[in-house]
């Protein structure tokens, strides 16, 4: 079992090295969500699985490995595709629940 864990760690390190040299964000290849923020007014999320809660004060999404909550005022979903979305409004906090 220990050998498998070492091999997985080595493979992960190699992947990060290759992605870094190709200037590709780590989240673009892995199963992780990728967030890009524009001040506290807009967040783009790639890797969204579903919307769990949606109103003016909170937007909660499932990103597979975690639940992410955006809290604030006048929140809305500006753009929605099958695996990404854009949250806009006055974002006061972001919570990550694993």
PDB file of N, CA and C in Angstrom:
ATOM      1  N   UNK A   1       0.819  -1.186   0.000  1.00  0.00           N
ATOM      2  CA  UNK A   1       0.000   0.000   0.000  1.00  0.00           C
ATOM      3  C   UNK A   1       0.864   1.252   0.000  1.00  0.00           C
ATOM      4  N   UNK A   2       1.971   1.216   0.730  1.00  0.00           N
ATOM      5  CA  UNK A   2       2.866   2.370   0.806  1.00  0.00           C
ATOM      6  C   UNK A   2       3.495   2.663  -0.551  1.00  0.00           C
ATOM      7  N   UNK A   3       3.800   1.613  -1.316  1.00  0.00           N
ATOM      8  CA  UNK A   3       4.377   1.794  -2.646  1.00  0.00           C
ATOM      9  C   UNK A   3       3.431   2.523  -3.586  1.00  0.00           C
ATOM     10  N   UNK A   4       2.149   2.198  -3.514  1.00  0.00           N
ATOM     11  CA  UNK A   4       1.157   2.867  -4.354  1.00  0.00           C
ATOM     12  C   UNK A   4       1.072   4.350  -4.024  1.00  0.00           C
ATOM     13  N   UNK A   5       1.117   4.666  -2.732  1.00  0.00           N
ATOM     14  CA  UNK A   5       1.026   6.061  -2.308  1.00  0.00           C
ATOM     15  C   UNK A   5       2.228   6.853  -2.812  1.00  0.00           C
ATOM     16  N   UNK A   6       3.434   6.258  -2.746  1.00  0.00           N
ATOM     17  CA  UNK A   6       4.639   6.931  -3.241  1.00  0.00           C
ATOM     18  C   UNK A   6       4.551   7.151  -4.749  1.00  0.00           C
ATOM     19  N   UNK A   7       4.096   6.138  -5.486  1.00  0.00           N
ATOM     20  CA  UNK A   7       3.972   6.264  -6.942  1.00  0.00           C
ATOM     21  C   UNK A   7       2.958   7.343  -7.315  1.00  0.00           C
ATOM     22  N   UNK A   8       1.841   7.387  -6.587  1.00  0.00           N
ATOM     23  CA  UNK A   8       0.833   8.402  -6.868  1.00  0.00           C
ATOM     24  C   UNK A   8       1.391   9.792  -6.612  1.00  0.00           C
ATOM     25  N   UNK A   9       2.160   9.942  -5.532  1.00  0.00           N
ATOM     26  CA  UNK A   9       2.770  11.230  -5.205  1.00  0.00           C
ATOM     27  C   UNK A   9       3.782  11.634  -6.277  1.00  0.00           C
ATOM     28  N   UNK A  10       4.599  10.692  -6.752  1.00  0.00           N
ATOM     29  CA  UNK A  10       5.573  10.989  -7.803  1.00  0.00           C
ATOM     30  C   UNK A  10       4.865  11.400  -9.093  1.00  0.00           C
ATOM     31  N   UNK A  11       3.790  10.684  -9.441  1.00  0.00           N
ATOM     32  CA  UNK A  11       3.035  11.017 -10.651  1.00  0.00           C
ATOM     33  C   UNK A  11       2.415  12.405 -10.552  1.00  0.00           C
ATOM     34  N   UNK A  12       1.902  12.751  -9.371  1.00  0.00           N
ATOM     35  CA  UNK A  12       1.326  14.079  -9.160  1.00  0.00           C
ATOM     36  C   UNK A  12       2.390  15.153  -9.308  1.00  0.00           C
ATOM     37  N   UNK A  13       3.575  14.912  -8.753  1.00  0.00           N
ATOM     38  CA  UNK A  13       4.675  15.881  -8.872  1.00  0.00           C
ATOM     39  C   UNK A  13       5.094  16.052 -10.328  1.00  0.00           C
ATOM     40  N   UNK A  14       5.155  14.960 -11.074  1.00  0.00           N
ATOM     41  CA  UNK A  14       5.510  15.037 -12.498  1.00  0.00           C
ATOM     42  C   UNK A  14       4.464  15.836 -13.278  1.00  0.00           C
ATOM     43  N   UNK A  15       3.183  15.581 -12.978  1.00  0.00           N
ATOM     44  CA  UNK A  15       2.111  16.299 -13.645  1.00  0.00           C
ATOM     45  C   UNK A  15       2.213  17.796 -13.380  1.00  0.00           C
ATOM     46  N   UNK A  16       2.459  18.167 -12.120  1.00  0.00           N
ATOM     47  CA  UNK A  16       2.587  19.588 -11.776  1.00  0.00           C
ATOM     48  C   UNK A  16       3.779  20.222 -12.497  1.00  0.00           C
ATOM     49  N   UNK A  17       4.864  19.493 -12.638  1.00  0.00           N
ATOM     50  CA  UNK A  17       6.048  20.000 -13.338  1.00  0.00           C
ATOM     51  C   UNK A  17       5.734  20.240 -14.809  1.00  0.00           C
ATOM     52  N   UNK A  18       5.083  19.276 -15.450  1.00  0.00           N
ATOM     53  CA  UNK A  18       4.737  19.403 -16.866  1.00  0.00           C
ATOM     54  C   UNK A  18       3.766  20.565 -17.078  1.00  0.00           C
ATOM     55  N   UNK A  19       2.745  20.647 -16.231  1.00  0.00           N
ATOM     56  CA  UNK A  19       1.772  21.732 -16.362  1.00  0.00           C
ATOM     57  C   UNK A  19       2.422  23.092 -16.173  1.00  0.00           C
ATOM     58  N   UNK A  20       3.343  23.167 -15.228  1.00  0.00           N
ATOM     59  CA  UNK A  20       4.042  24.423 -14.969  1.00  0.00           C
ATOM     60  C   UNK A  20       4.877  24.838 -16.174  1.00  0.00           C
ATOM     61  N   UNK A  21       5.594  23.901 -16.778  1.00  0.00           N
ATOM     62  CA  UNK A  21       6.429  24.220 -17.933  1.00  0.00           C
ATOM     63  C   UNK A  21       5.604  24.589 -19.159  1.00  0.00           C
ATOM     64  N   UNK A  22       4.404  24.034 -19.258  1.00  0.00           N
ATOM     65  CA  UNK A  22       3.523  24.350 -20.385  1.00  0.00           C
ATOM     66  C   UNK A  22       2.649  25.564 -20.077  1.00  0.00           C
ATOM     67  N   UNK A  23       2.779  26.110 -18.873  1.00  0.00           N
ATOM     68  CA  UNK A  23       2.014  27.271 -18.414  1.00  0.00           C
ATOM     69  C   UNK A  23       0.510  27.007 -18.456  1.00  0.00           C
ATOM     70  N   UNK A  24       0.128  25.792 -18.038  1.00  0.00           N
ATOM     71  CA  UNK A  24      -1.271  25.401 -17.946  1.00  0.00           C
ATOM     72  C   UNK A  24      -1.635  25.364 -16.465  1.00  0.00           C
ATOM     73  N   UNK A  25      -2.734  25.995 -16.064  1.00  0.00           N
ATOM     74  CA  UNK A  25      -3.135  25.935 -14.654  1.00  0.00           C
ATOM     75  C   UNK A  25      -3.416  24.498 -14.226  1.00  0.00           C
ATOM     76  N   UNK A  26      -3.006  24.154 -13.012  1.00  0.00           N
ATOM     77  CA  UNK A  26      -3.189  22.802 -12.494  1.00  0.00           C
ATOM     78  C   UNK A  26      -4.651  22.376 -12.548  1.00  0.00           C
ATOM     79  N   UNK A  27      -5.571  23.249 -12.211  1.00  0.00           N
ATOM     80  CA  UNK A  27      -6.987  22.930 -12.193  1.00  0.00           C
ATOM     81  C   UNK A  27      -7.569  22.615 -13.558  1.00  0.00           C
ATOM     82  N   UNK A  28      -6.897  23.017 -14.623  1.00  0.00           N
ATOM     83  CA  UNK A  28      -7.414  22.776 -15.964  1.00  0.00           C
ATOM     84  C   UNK A  28      -7.397  21.299 -16.320  1.00  0.00           C
ATOM     85  N   UNK A  29      -6.483  20.534 -15.761  1.00  0.00           N
ATOM     86  CA  UNK A  29      -6.351  19.123 -16.078  1.00  0.00           C
ATOM     87  C   UNK A  29      -6.998  18.247 -15.012  1.00  0.00           C
ATOM     88  N   UNK A  30      -6.827  18.592 -13.766  1.00  0.00           N
ATOM     89  CA  UNK A  30      -7.322  17.756 -12.682  1.00  0.00           C
ATOM     90  C   UNK A  30      -8.811  17.934 -12.491  1.00  0.00           C
ATOM     91  N   UNK A  31      -9.351  17.233 -11.524  1.00  0.00           N
ATOM     92  CA  UNK A  31     -10.774  17.275 -11.222  1.00  0.00           C
ATOM     93  C   UNK A  31     -11.136  18.425 -10.292  1.00  0.00           C
ATOM     94  N   UNK A  32     -10.265  19.397 -10.150  1.00  0.00           N
ATOM     95  CA  UNK A  32     -10.496  20.514  -9.230  1.00  0.00           C
ATOM     96  C   UNK A  32     -11.214  21.651  -9.946  1.00  0.00           C
ATOM     97  N   UNK A  33     -11.941  22.419  -9.146  1.00  0.00           N
ATOM     98  CA  UNK A  33     -12.590  23.613  -9.685  1.00  0.00           C
ATOM     99  C   UNK A  33     -11.553  24.716  -9.834  1.00  0.00           C
ATOM    100  N   UNK A  34     -11.787  25.606 -10.776  1.00  0.00           N
ATOM    101  CA  UNK A  34     -10.884  26.732 -11.028  1.00  0.00           C
ATOM    102  C   UNK A  34     -11.692  28.014 -10.841  1.00  0.00           C
ATOM    103  N   UNK A  35     -11.191  28.908  -9.967  1.00  0.00           N
ATOM    104  CA  UNK A  35     -11.871  30.163  -9.663  1.00  0.00           C
ATOM    105  C   UNK A  35     -11.041  31.333 -10.162  1.00  0.00           C
ATOM    106  N   UNK A  36     -11.685  32.307 -10.765  1.00  0.00           N
ATOM    107  CA  UNK A  36     -11.039  33.570 -11.132  1.00  0.00           C
ATOM    108  C   UNK A  36     -11.906  34.702 -10.624  1.00  0.00           C
ATOM    109  N   UNK A  37     -11.288  35.586  -9.827  1.00  0.00           N
ATOM    110  CA  UNK A  37     -12.038  36.693  -9.243  1.00  0.00           C
ATOM    111  C   UNK A  37     -11.669  38.010  -9.898  1.00  0.00           C
ATOM    112  N   UNK A  38     -12.667  38.859 -10.071  1.00  0.00           N
ATOM    113  CA  UNK A  38     -12.472  40.225 -10.531  1.00  0.00           C
ATOM    114  C   UNK A  38     -12.958  41.110  -9.387  1.00  0.00           C
ATOM    115  N   UNK A  39     -12.012  41.523  -8.517  1.00  0.00           N
ATOM    116  CA  UNK A  39     -12.323  42.283  -7.303  1.00  0.00           C
ATOM    117  C   UNK A  39     -13.321  41.485  -6.475  1.00  0.00           C
ATOM    118  N   UNK A  40     -14.228  42.154  -5.797  1.00  0.00           N
ATOM    119  CA  UNK A  40     -15.258  41.429  -5.047  1.00  0.00           C
ATOM    120  C   UNK A  40     -16.610  41.541  -5.760  1.00  0.00           C
ATOM    121  N   UNK A  41     -16.551  41.759  -7.070  1.00  0.00           N
ATOM    122  CA  UNK A  41     -17.769  41.966  -7.864  1.00  0.00           C
ATOM    123  C   UNK A  41     -18.115  40.800  -8.788  1.00  0.00           C
ATOM    124  N   UNK A  42     -17.146  39.930  -9.072  1.00  0.00           N
ATOM    125  CA  UNK A  42     -17.405  38.865 -10.039  1.00  0.00           C
ATOM    126  C   UNK A  42     -16.449  37.703  -9.811  1.00  0.00           C
ATOM    127  N   UNK A  43     -16.991  36.476  -9.893  1.00  0.00           N
ATOM    128  CA  UNK A  43     -16.175  35.257  -9.793  1.00  0.00           C
ATOM    129  C   UNK A  43     -16.597  34.314 -10.907  1.00  0.00           C
ATOM    130  N   UNK A  44     -15.606  33.820 -11.667  1.00  0.00           N
ATOM    131  CA  UNK A  44     -15.851  32.795 -12.685  1.00  0.00           C
ATOM    132  C   UNK A  44     -15.425  31.457 -12.100  1.00  0.00           C
ATOM    133  N   UNK A  45     -16.281  30.459 -12.219  1.00  0.00           N
ATOM    134  CA  UNK A  45     -15.989  29.143 -11.674  1.00  0.00           C
ATOM    135  C   UNK A  45     -16.094  28.118 -12.780  1.00  0.00           C
ATOM    136  N   UNK A  46     -15.015  27.382 -13.009  1.00  0.00           N
ATOM    137  CA  UNK A  46     -15.018  26.266 -13.956  1.00  0.00           C
ATOM    138  C   UNK A  46     -14.953  24.984 -13.139  1.00  0.00           C
ATOM    139  N   UNK A  47     -15.750  24.010 -13.490  1.00  0.00           N
ATOM    140  CA  UNK A  47     -15.787  22.758 -12.749  1.00  0.00           C
ATOM    141  C   UNK A  47     -16.994  22.680 -11.833  1.00  0.00           C
ATOM    142  N   UNK A  48     -18.005  23.438 -12.125  1.00  0.00           N
ATOM    143  CA  UNK A  48     -19.234  23.446 -11.336  1.00  0.00           C
ATOM    144  C   UNK A  48     -20.077  22.226 -11.711  1.00  0.00           C
ATOM    145  N   UNK A  49     -20.529  21.494 -10.712  1.00  0.00           N
ATOM    146  CA  UNK A  49     -21.370  20.313 -10.962  1.00  0.00           C
ATOM    147  C   UNK A  49     -22.858  20.639 -10.865  1.00  0.00           C
ATOM    148  N   UNK A  50     -23.227  21.470  -9.872  1.00  0.00           N
ATOM    149  CA  UNK A  50     -24.636  21.822  -9.717  1.00  0.00           C
ATOM    150  C   UNK A  50     -24.786  23.050  -8.824  1.00  0.00           C
ATOM    151  N   UNK A  51     -25.946  23.686  -8.919  1.00  0.00           N
ATOM    152  CA  UNK A  51     -26.284  24.820  -8.068  1.00  0.00           C
ATOM    153  C   UNK A  51     -27.171  24.283  -6.950  1.00  0.00           C
ATOM    154  N   UNK A  52     -26.754  24.485  -5.704  1.00  0.00           N
ATOM    155  CA  UNK A  52     -27.489  23.957  -4.561  1.00  0.00           C
ATOM    156  C   UNK A  52     -28.443  24.976  -3.946  1.00  0.00           C
ATOM    157  N   UNK A  53     -28.060  26.248  -3.986  1.00  0.00           N
ATOM    158  CA  UNK A  53     -28.887  27.310  -3.417  1.00  0.00           C
ATOM    159  C   UNK A  53     -28.629  28.584  -4.199  1.00  0.00           C
ATOM    160  N   UNK A  54     -29.715  29.340  -4.439  1.00  0.00           N
ATOM    161  CA  UNK A  54     -29.565  30.541  -5.243  1.00  0.00           C
ATOM    162  C   UNK A  54     -30.576  31.585  -4.808  1.00  0.00           C
ATOM    163  N   UNK A  55     -30.104  32.689  -4.213  1.00  0.00           N
ATOM    164  CA  UNK A  55     -30.947  33.849  -3.954  1.00  0.00           C
ATOM    165  C   UNK A  55     -30.064  35.093  -3.924  1.00  0.00           C
ATOM    166  N   UNK A  56     -30.635  36.240  -3.573  1.00  0.00           N
ATOM    167  CA  UNK A  56     -29.902  37.514  -3.625  1.00  0.00           C
ATOM    168  C   UNK A  56     -28.710  37.585  -2.676  1.00  0.00           C
ATOM    169  N   UNK A  57     -28.725  36.784  -1.593  1.00  0.00           N
ATOM    170  CA  UNK A  57     -27.692  36.880  -0.565  1.00  0.00           C
ATOM    171  C   UNK A  57     -26.721  35.715  -0.525  1.00  0.00           C
ATOM    172  N   UNK A  58     -27.055  34.603  -1.152  1.00  0.00           N
ATOM    173  CA  UNK A  58     -26.167  33.438  -1.142  1.00  0.00           C
ATOM    174  C   UNK A  58     -26.339  32.626  -2.417  1.00  0.00           C
ATOM    175  N   UNK A  59     -25.204  32.189  -2.947  1.00  0.00           N
ATOM    176  CA  UNK A  59     -25.198  31.225  -4.049  1.00  0.00           C
ATOM    177  C   UNK A  59     -24.272  30.108  -3.605  1.00  0.00           C
ATOM    178  N   UNK A  60     -24.817  28.893  -3.534  1.00  0.00           N
ATOM    179  CA  UNK A  60     -24.049  27.731  -3.080  1.00  0.00           C
ATOM    180  C   UNK A  60     -23.974  26.741  -4.231  1.00  0.00           C
ATOM    181  N   UNK A  61     -22.738  26.305  -4.567  1.00  0.00           N
ATOM    182  CA  UNK A  61     -22.544  25.389  -5.694  1.00  0.00           C
ATOM    183  C   UNK A  61     -21.762  24.159  -5.261  1.00  0.00           C
ATOM    184  N   UNK A  62     -21.966  23.085  -5.987  1.00  0.00           N
ATOM    185  CA  UNK A  62     -21.225  21.846  -5.784  1.00  0.00           C
ATOM    186  C   UNK A  62     -20.131  21.794  -6.852  1.00  0.00           C
ATOM    187  N   UNK A  63     -18.888  21.673  -6.417  1.00  0.00           N
ATOM    188  CA  UNK A  63     -17.775  21.579  -7.365  1.00  0.00           C
ATOM    189  C   UNK A  63     -17.157  20.180  -7.357  1.00  0.00           C
ATOM    190  N   UNK A  64     -17.889  19.201  -6.870  1.00  0.00           N
ATOM    191  CA  UNK A  64     -17.398  17.833  -6.860  1.00  0.00           C
ATOM    192  C   UNK A  64     -16.741  17.469  -5.542  1.00  0.00           C
ATOM    193  N   UNK A  65     -15.571  18.042  -5.279  1.00  0.00           N
ATOM    194  CA  UNK A  65     -14.837  17.725  -4.059  1.00  0.00           C
ATOM    195  C   UNK A  65     -15.232  18.614  -2.889  1.00  0.00           C
ATOM    196  N   UNK A  66     -15.962  19.688  -3.150  1.00  0.00           N
ATOM    197  CA  UNK A  66     -16.366  20.591  -2.078  1.00  0.00           C
ATOM    198  C   UNK A  66     -17.614  21.368  -2.467  1.00  0.00           C
ATOM    199  N   UNK A  67     -18.196  21.979  -1.458  1.00  0.00           N
ATOM    200  CA  UNK A  67     -19.317  22.893  -1.643  1.00  0.00           C
ATOM    201  C   UNK A  67     -18.759  24.303  -1.452  1.00  0.00           C
ATOM    202  N   UNK A  68     -19.060  25.207  -2.360  1.00  0.00           N
ATOM    203  CA  UNK A  68     -18.581  26.582  -2.263  1.00  0.00           C
ATOM    204  C   UNK A  68     -19.779  27.510  -2.154  1.00  0.00           C
ATOM    205  N   UNK A  69     -19.717  28.404  -1.145  1.00  0.00           N
ATOM    206  CA  UNK A  69     -20.798  29.367  -0.921  1.00  0.00           C
ATOM    207  C   UNK A  69     -20.274  30.775  -1.142  1.00  0.00           C
ATOM    208  N   UNK A  70     -21.017  31.553  -1.911  1.00  0.00           N
ATOM    209  CA  UNK A  70     -20.718  32.969  -2.125  1.00  0.00           C
ATOM    210  C   UNK A  70     -21.781  33.751  -1.382  1.00  0.00           C
ATOM    211  N   UNK A  71     -21.371  34.605  -0.460  1.00  0.00           N
ATOM    212  CA  UNK A  71     -22.301  35.400   0.330  1.00  0.00           C
ATOM    213  C   UNK A  71     -22.111  36.866  -0.006  1.00  0.00           C
ATOM    214  N   UNK A  72     -23.192  37.633  -0.015  1.00  0.00           N
ATOM    215  CA  UNK A  72     -23.086  39.051  -0.322  1.00  0.00           C
ATOM    216  C   UNK A  72     -24.448  39.674  -0.560  1.00  0.00           C
ATOM    217  N   UNK A  73     -24.465  40.711  -1.389  1.00  0.00           N
ATOM    218  CA  UNK A  73     -25.686  41.439  -1.716  1.00  0.00           C
ATOM    219  C   UNK A  73     -25.886  41.479  -3.230  1.00  0.00           C
ATOM    220  N   UNK A  74     -27.135  41.424  -3.627  1.00  0.00           N
ATOM    221  CA  UNK A  74     -27.490  41.494  -5.054  1.00  0.00           C
ATOM    222  C   UNK A  74     -26.735  40.472  -5.900  1.00  0.00           C
ATOM    223  N   UNK A  75     -26.579  39.259  -5.389  1.00  0.00           N
ATOM    224  CA  UNK A  75     -25.861  38.209  -6.123  1.00  0.00           C
ATOM    225  C   UNK A  75     -26.745  37.640  -7.220  1.00  0.00           C
ATOM    226  N   UNK A  76     -26.121  37.328  -8.349  1.00  0.00           N
ATOM    227  CA  UNK A  76     -26.832  36.697  -9.455  1.00  0.00           C
ATOM    228  C   UNK A  76     -25.855  35.857 -10.256  1.00  0.00           C
ATOM    229  N   UNK A  77     -26.398  34.952 -11.035  1.00  0.00           N
ATOM    230  CA  UNK A  77     -25.588  34.146 -11.955  1.00  0.00           C
ATOM    231  C   UNK A  77     -25.688  34.812 -13.312  1.00  0.00           C
ATOM    232  N   UNK A  78     -24.553  35.342 -13.751  1.00  0.00           N
ATOM    233  CA  UNK A  78     -24.497  36.107 -14.996  1.00  0.00           C
ATOM    234  C   UNK A  78     -24.469  35.190 -16.210  1.00  0.00           C
ATOM    235  N   UNK A  79     -23.728  34.111 -16.111  1.00  0.00           N
ATOM    236  CA  UNK A  79     -23.530  33.206 -17.244  1.00  0.00           C
ATOM    237  C   UNK A  79     -23.513  31.779 -16.705  1.00  0.00           C
ATOM    238  N   UNK A  80     -24.142  30.853 -17.420  1.00  0.00           N
ATOM    239  CA  UNK A  80     -24.219  29.470 -16.966  1.00  0.00           C
ATOM    240  C   UNK A  80     -24.026  28.538 -18.147  1.00  0.00           C
ATOM    241  N   UNK A  81     -23.071  27.624 -18.021  1.00  0.00           N
ATOM    242  CA  UNK A  81     -22.848  26.574 -19.010  1.00  0.00           C
ATOM    243  C   UNK A  81     -22.922  25.240 -18.264  1.00  0.00           C
ATOM    244  N   UNK A  82     -22.845  24.110 -18.949  1.00  0.00           N
ATOM    245  CA  UNK A  82     -22.944  22.823 -18.248  1.00  0.00           C
ATOM    246  C   UNK A  82     -21.886  22.600 -17.165  1.00  0.00           C
ATOM    247  N   UNK A  83     -20.716  23.237 -17.262  1.00  0.00           N
ATOM    248  CA  UNK A  83     -19.687  23.006 -16.238  1.00  0.00           C
ATOM    249  C   UNK A  83     -19.066  24.289 -15.676  1.00  0.00           C
ATOM    250  N   UNK A  84     -19.657  25.441 -15.945  1.00  0.00           N
ATOM    251  CA  UNK A  84     -19.091  26.678 -15.390  1.00  0.00           C
ATOM    252  C   UNK A  84     -20.197  27.715 -15.184  1.00  0.00           C
ATOM    253  N   UNK A  85     -19.874  28.717 -14.374  1.00  0.00           N
ATOM    254  CA  UNK A  85     -20.797  29.814 -14.161  1.00  0.00           C
ATOM    255  C   UNK A  85     -20.045  31.048 -13.697  1.00  0.00           C
ATOM    256  N   UNK A  86     -20.710  32.190 -13.784  1.00  0.00           N
ATOM    257  CA  UNK A  86     -20.156  33.459 -13.330  1.00  0.00           C
ATOM    258  C   UNK A  86     -21.125  34.043 -12.309  1.00  0.00           C
ATOM    259  N   UNK A  87     -20.607  34.306 -11.102  1.00  0.00           N
ATOM    260  CA  UNK A  87     -21.385  34.933 -10.043  1.00  0.00           C
ATOM    261  C   UNK A  87     -21.017  36.400 -10.031  1.00  0.00           C
ATOM    262  N   UNK A  88     -22.025  37.270 -10.017  1.00  0.00           N
ATOM    263  CA  UNK A  88     -21.733  38.688  -9.909  1.00  0.00           C
ATOM    264  C   UNK A  88     -22.613  39.322  -8.850  1.00  0.00           C
ATOM    265  N   UNK A  89     -22.161  40.448  -8.338  1.00  0.00           N
ATOM    266  CA  UNK A  89     -22.834  41.171  -7.271  1.00  0.00           C
ATOM    267  C   UNK A  89     -21.768  41.702  -6.315  1.00  0.00           C
ATOM    268  N   UNK A  90     -22.167  42.025  -5.107  1.00  0.00           N
ATOM    269  CA  UNK A  90     -21.231  42.505  -4.095  1.00  0.00           C
ATOM    270  C   UNK A  90     -20.911  41.328  -3.183  1.00  0.00           C
ATOM    271  N   UNK A  91     -19.775  40.662  -3.418  1.00  0.00           N
ATOM    272  CA  UNK A  91     -19.392  39.446  -2.687  1.00  0.00           C
ATOM    273  C   UNK A  91     -18.668  39.850  -1.404  1.00  0.00           C
ATOM    274  N   UNK A  92     -19.224  39.442  -0.267  1.00  0.00           N
ATOM    275  CA  UNK A  92     -18.613  39.772   1.022  1.00  0.00           C
ATOM    276  C   UNK A  92     -17.773  38.635   1.582  1.00  0.00           C
ATOM    277  N   UNK A  93     -18.113  37.390   1.228  1.00  0.00           N
ATOM    278  CA  UNK A  93     -17.287  36.259   1.689  1.00  0.00           C
ATOM    279  C   UNK A  93     -17.518  35.039   0.822  1.00  0.00           C
ATOM    280  N   UNK A  94     -16.530  34.150   0.877  1.00  0.00           N
ATOM    281  CA  UNK A  94     -16.589  32.872   0.161  1.00  0.00           C
ATOM    282  C   UNK A  94     -16.248  31.784   1.165  1.00  0.00           C
ATOM    283  N   UNK A  95     -17.071  30.726   1.215  1.00  0.00           N
ATOM    284  CA  UNK A  95     -16.832  29.622   2.121  1.00  0.00           C
ATOM    285  C   UNK A  95     -16.596  28.352   1.319  1.00  0.00           C
ATOM    286  N   UNK A  96     -15.611  27.568   1.754  1.00  0.00           N
ATOM    287  CA  UNK A  96     -15.319  26.279   1.126  1.00  0.00           C
ATOM    288  C   UNK A  96     -15.582  25.180   2.157  1.00  0.00           C
ATOM    289  N   UNK A  97     -16.467  24.254   1.830  1.00  0.00           N
ATOM    290  CA  UNK A  97     -16.803  23.167   2.729  1.00  0.00           C
ATOM    291  C   UNK A  97     -16.415  21.855   2.056  1.00  0.00           C
ATOM    292  N   UNK A  98     -15.523  21.117   2.686  1.00  0.00           N
ATOM    293  CA  UNK A  98     -15.066  19.846   2.108  1.00  0.00           C
ATOM    294  C   UNK A  98     -15.757  18.677   2.749  1.00  0.00           C
TER     295      UNK A  98
END
